[in-house]
Amino acid sequence: MPEEDDRGDDASRPTVCEIRIRGHLGQPWQDWFLGLTILPDEDGTTLLTGPVVDQAALHGILKKVRDLGLPLISVNFVSTDRPESPGS
């Protein structure tokens, strides 16, 4: 029977995660958020994007968001199994 979620099949491959929060963070916070890319948006939110190695790392990032008092909007996992487009 096929599994509904196969992100855990390769434990050595980090999962790419997008975490959207309300409020703006600047680039100086990048090291504190384990090197995630920080992209402030014009709508008053910030997108944190990057590889998350396991659930413990994800919980650590979410704890930091909580500790800053920033409202969490969403957490999405991005498929890294996209086929290469011609010319890339």
N, C-alpha and C. Protein backbone atom coordinates (compact mmCIF):
# COMPACT_ATOMS: atom_id res chain seq x y z
N MET A 1 0.85 -1.17 0.00
CA MET A 1 0.00 0.00 0.00
C MET A 1 0.90 1.23 0.00
N PRO A 2 0.72 2.18 -0.95
CA PRO A 2 1.59 3.34 -1.01
C PRO A 2 1.33 4.29 0.16
N GLU A 3 2.42 4.91 0.61
CA GLU A 3 2.30 5.88 1.69
C GLU A 3 1.82 7.20 1.14
N GLU A 4 1.01 7.92 1.94
CA GLU A 4 0.49 9.21 1.51
C GLU A 4 1.57 10.29 1.52
N ASP A 5 2.55 10.18 2.39
CA ASP A 5 3.58 11.19 2.53
C ASP A 5 4.93 10.50 2.50
N ASP A 6 5.72 10.74 1.44
CA ASP A 6 6.99 10.04 1.29
C ASP A 6 8.20 10.92 1.59
N ARG A 7 7.99 12.06 2.29
CA ARG A 7 9.13 12.94 2.59
C ARG A 7 10.15 12.24 3.47
N GLY A 8 9.75 11.26 4.25
CA GLY A 8 10.66 10.62 5.17
C GLY A 8 11.43 9.46 4.57
N ASP A 9 11.28 9.18 3.28
CA ASP A 9 11.93 8.03 2.67
C ASP A 9 13.45 8.14 2.70
N ASP A 10 14.00 9.31 2.50
CA ASP A 10 15.45 9.49 2.49
C ASP A 10 15.83 10.40 3.65
N ALA A 11 16.20 9.79 4.76
CA ALA A 11 16.49 10.55 5.97
C ALA A 11 17.69 11.47 5.81
N SER A 12 18.55 11.20 4.83
CA SER A 12 19.73 12.04 4.65
C SER A 12 19.43 13.30 3.84
N ARG A 13 18.25 13.38 3.23
CA ARG A 13 17.88 14.52 2.40
C ARG A 13 17.01 15.48 3.22
N PRO A 14 17.47 16.73 3.44
CA PRO A 14 16.65 17.68 4.18
C PRO A 14 15.38 18.03 3.40
N THR A 15 14.35 18.37 4.13
CA THR A 15 13.10 18.81 3.53
C THR A 15 13.13 20.32 3.42
N VAL A 16 12.74 20.85 2.27
CA VAL A 16 12.67 22.30 2.10
C VAL A 16 11.35 22.77 2.68
N CYS A 17 11.43 23.78 3.53
CA CYS A 17 10.27 24.26 4.25
C CYS A 17 10.10 25.76 4.02
N GLU A 18 8.85 26.20 3.91
CA GLU A 18 8.53 27.62 3.83
C GLU A 18 7.67 27.96 5.05
N ILE A 19 8.14 28.90 5.85
CA ILE A 19 7.43 29.32 7.05
C ILE A 19 7.09 30.79 6.89
N ARG A 20 5.80 31.11 6.91
CA ARG A 20 5.38 32.51 6.77
C ARG A 20 4.94 33.02 8.14
N ILE A 21 5.46 34.20 8.50
CA ILE A 21 5.12 34.82 9.77
C ILE A 21 4.62 36.24 9.53
N ARG A 22 3.83 36.75 10.46
CA ARG A 22 3.38 38.14 10.38
C ARG A 22 4.45 39.01 11.03
N GLY A 23 4.86 40.05 10.32
CA GLY A 23 5.91 40.94 10.79
C GLY A 23 7.13 40.80 9.89
N HIS A 24 8.04 41.73 10.03
CA HIS A 24 9.24 41.71 9.20
C HIS A 24 10.47 41.37 10.02
N LEU A 25 11.30 40.53 9.46
CA LEU A 25 12.62 40.23 10.00
C LEU A 25 13.64 40.62 8.95
N GLY A 26 14.78 41.12 9.39
CA GLY A 26 15.84 41.48 8.46
C GLY A 26 16.88 40.37 8.34
N GLN A 27 17.82 40.58 7.43
CA GLN A 27 18.88 39.59 7.18
C GLN A 27 19.73 39.27 8.41
N PRO A 28 19.93 40.21 9.36
CA PRO A 28 20.73 39.85 10.54
C PRO A 28 20.18 38.66 11.33
N TRP A 29 18.92 38.33 11.16
CA TRP A 29 18.32 37.19 11.86
C TRP A 29 18.62 35.86 11.17
N GLN A 30 19.24 35.88 10.00
CA GLN A 30 19.44 34.65 9.21
C GLN A 30 20.24 33.59 9.98
N ASP A 31 21.31 33.98 10.64
CA ASP A 31 22.09 33.00 11.40
C ASP A 31 21.27 32.40 12.54
N TRP A 32 20.48 33.22 13.21
CA TRP A 32 19.68 32.74 14.33
C TRP A 32 18.64 31.72 13.87
N PHE A 33 18.18 31.88 12.63
CA PHE A 33 17.21 30.94 12.07
C PHE A 33 17.89 29.87 11.24
N LEU A 34 19.06 29.44 11.68
CA LEU A 34 19.77 28.29 11.11
C LEU A 34 20.05 28.44 9.62
N GLY A 35 20.29 29.68 9.17
CA GLY A 35 20.64 29.91 7.77
C GLY A 35 19.48 29.93 6.80
N LEU A 36 18.24 29.92 7.28
CA LEU A 36 17.10 30.00 6.37
C LEU A 36 17.14 31.35 5.65
N THR A 37 16.67 31.36 4.42
CA THR A 37 16.55 32.60 3.66
C THR A 37 15.39 33.40 4.22
N ILE A 38 15.61 34.69 4.44
CA ILE A 38 14.59 35.57 5.01
C ILE A 38 14.14 36.54 3.92
N LEU A 39 12.85 36.48 3.57
CA LEU A 39 12.31 37.32 2.51
C LEU A 39 11.13 38.13 3.04
N PRO A 40 11.36 39.39 3.46
CA PRO A 40 10.23 40.24 3.87
C PRO A 40 9.36 40.55 2.66
N ASP A 41 8.04 40.57 2.86
CA ASP A 41 7.10 40.83 1.79
C ASP A 41 6.40 42.15 2.04
N GLU A 42 5.89 42.76 0.97
CA GLU A 42 5.21 44.05 1.07
C GLU A 42 3.92 43.98 1.88
N ASP A 43 3.37 42.79 2.04
CA ASP A 43 2.11 42.65 2.78
C ASP A 43 2.30 42.60 4.29
N GLY A 44 3.53 42.85 4.76
CA GLY A 44 3.79 42.87 6.19
C GLY A 44 4.15 41.52 6.77
N THR A 45 4.43 40.54 5.90
CA THR A 45 4.84 39.22 6.37
C THR A 45 6.28 38.95 5.97
N THR A 46 6.83 37.89 6.53
CA THR A 46 8.17 37.44 6.17
C THR A 46 8.10 35.95 5.86
N LEU A 47 8.81 35.54 4.81
CA LEU A 47 8.89 34.14 4.43
C LEU A 47 10.28 33.63 4.78
N LEU A 48 10.34 32.60 5.61
CA LEU A 48 11.59 31.90 5.93
C LEU A 48 11.61 30.64 5.08
N THR A 49 12.65 30.46 4.30
CA THR A 49 12.71 29.33 3.38
C THR A 49 14.06 28.64 3.46
N GLY A 50 14.05 27.31 3.43
CA GLY A 50 15.30 26.58 3.38
C GLY A 50 15.14 25.15 3.83
N PRO A 51 16.25 24.41 3.80
CA PRO A 51 16.21 23.01 4.21
C PRO A 51 16.07 22.87 5.72
N VAL A 52 15.24 21.93 6.13
CA VAL A 52 15.07 21.60 7.54
C VAL A 52 15.36 20.10 7.64
N VAL A 53 16.38 19.76 8.41
CA VAL A 53 16.88 18.38 8.41
C VAL A 53 15.97 17.37 9.06
N ASP A 54 15.19 17.79 10.07
CA ASP A 54 14.31 16.85 10.74
C ASP A 54 13.26 17.59 11.56
N GLN A 55 12.38 16.85 12.20
CA GLN A 55 11.31 17.44 12.99
C GLN A 55 11.85 18.26 14.17
N ALA A 56 12.93 17.81 14.77
CA ALA A 56 13.51 18.56 15.89
C ALA A 56 13.97 19.94 15.43
N ALA A 57 14.58 20.01 14.25
CA ALA A 57 15.02 21.30 13.72
C ALA A 57 13.82 22.19 13.42
N LEU A 58 12.75 21.62 12.86
CA LEU A 58 11.54 22.39 12.58
C LEU A 58 10.95 22.95 13.87
N HIS A 59 10.87 22.11 14.89
CA HIS A 59 10.32 22.58 16.17
C HIS A 59 11.20 23.67 16.78
N GLY A 60 12.51 23.56 16.60
CA GLY A 60 13.42 24.60 17.09
C GLY A 60 13.17 25.93 16.40
N ILE A 61 12.95 25.90 15.09
CA ILE A 61 12.66 27.12 14.34
C ILE A 61 11.34 27.72 14.80
N LEU A 62 10.32 26.87 14.93
CA LEU A 62 9.01 27.36 15.35
C LEU A 62 9.05 27.92 16.77
N LYS A 63 9.89 27.35 17.62
CA LYS A 63 10.06 27.88 18.98
C LYS A 63 10.66 29.29 18.93
N LYS A 64 11.61 29.51 18.03
CA LYS A 64 12.21 30.83 17.89
C LYS A 64 11.17 31.86 17.41
N VAL A 65 10.32 31.45 16.48
CA VAL A 65 9.24 32.33 16.02
C VAL A 65 8.35 32.69 17.21
N ARG A 66 7.99 31.69 17.99
CA ARG A 66 7.16 31.92 19.18
C ARG A 66 7.85 32.85 20.17
N ASP A 67 9.12 32.61 20.43
CA ASP A 67 9.86 33.41 21.39
C ASP A 67 9.96 34.88 20.98
N LEU A 68 9.94 35.15 19.68
CA LEU A 68 9.96 36.53 19.19
C LEU A 68 8.57 37.17 19.25
N GLY A 69 7.55 36.38 19.54
CA GLY A 69 6.20 36.89 19.61
C GLY A 69 5.59 37.19 18.25
N LEU A 70 6.14 36.55 17.21
CA LEU A 70 5.63 36.78 15.85
C LEU A 70 4.56 35.74 15.52
N PRO A 71 3.39 36.18 15.06
CA PRO A 71 2.33 35.22 14.72
C PRO A 71 2.73 34.34 13.53
N LEU A 72 2.53 33.05 13.69
CA LEU A 72 2.79 32.08 12.64
C LEU A 72 1.59 32.05 11.70
N ILE A 73 1.83 32.21 10.42
CA ILE A 73 0.75 32.18 9.43
C ILE A 73 0.66 30.80 8.78
N SER A 74 1.80 30.26 8.32
CA SER A 74 1.74 28.96 7.66
C SER A 74 3.10 28.27 7.67
N VAL A 75 3.05 26.95 7.54
CA VAL A 75 4.24 26.11 7.37
C VAL A 75 3.93 25.20 6.19
N ASN A 76 4.75 25.27 5.14
CA ASN A 76 4.54 24.45 3.95
C ASN A 76 5.83 23.72 3.60
N PHE A 77 5.69 22.50 3.14
CA PHE A 77 6.84 21.73 2.68
C PHE A 77 6.84 21.78 1.16
N VAL A 78 8.01 22.07 0.60
CA VAL A 78 8.15 22.24 -0.84
C VAL A 78 8.77 20.99 -1.43
N SER A 79 8.17 20.48 -2.49
CA SER A 79 8.70 19.30 -3.15
C SER A 79 10.02 19.65 -3.83
N THR A 80 11.03 18.85 -3.57
CA THR A 80 12.32 19.03 -4.25
C THR A 80 12.47 18.04 -5.38
N ASP A 81 11.41 17.33 -5.70
CA ASP A 81 11.45 16.31 -6.75
C ASP A 81 10.91 16.84 -8.07
N ARG A 82 10.95 18.17 -8.25
CA ARG A 82 10.47 18.76 -9.50
C ARG A 82 11.42 18.40 -10.64
N PRO A 83 10.88 18.07 -11.79
CA PRO A 83 11.76 17.77 -12.93
C PRO A 83 12.47 19.03 -13.39
N GLU A 84 13.68 18.85 -13.87
CA GLU A 84 14.48 19.96 -14.39
C GLU A 84 13.81 20.51 -15.65
N SER A 85 13.74 21.82 -15.77
CA SER A 85 13.19 22.41 -16.98
C SER A 85 14.29 22.54 -18.02
N PRO A 86 13.95 22.48 -19.30
CA PRO A 86 14.97 22.60 -20.34
C PRO A 86 15.67 23.96 -20.24
N GLY A 87 16.96 23.95 -20.35
CA GLY A 87 17.74 25.18 -20.31
C GLY A 87 18.18 25.56 -18.92
N SER A 88 17.88 24.75 -17.89
CA SER A 88 18.35 25.11 -16.55
C SER A 88 19.50 24.26 -16.12
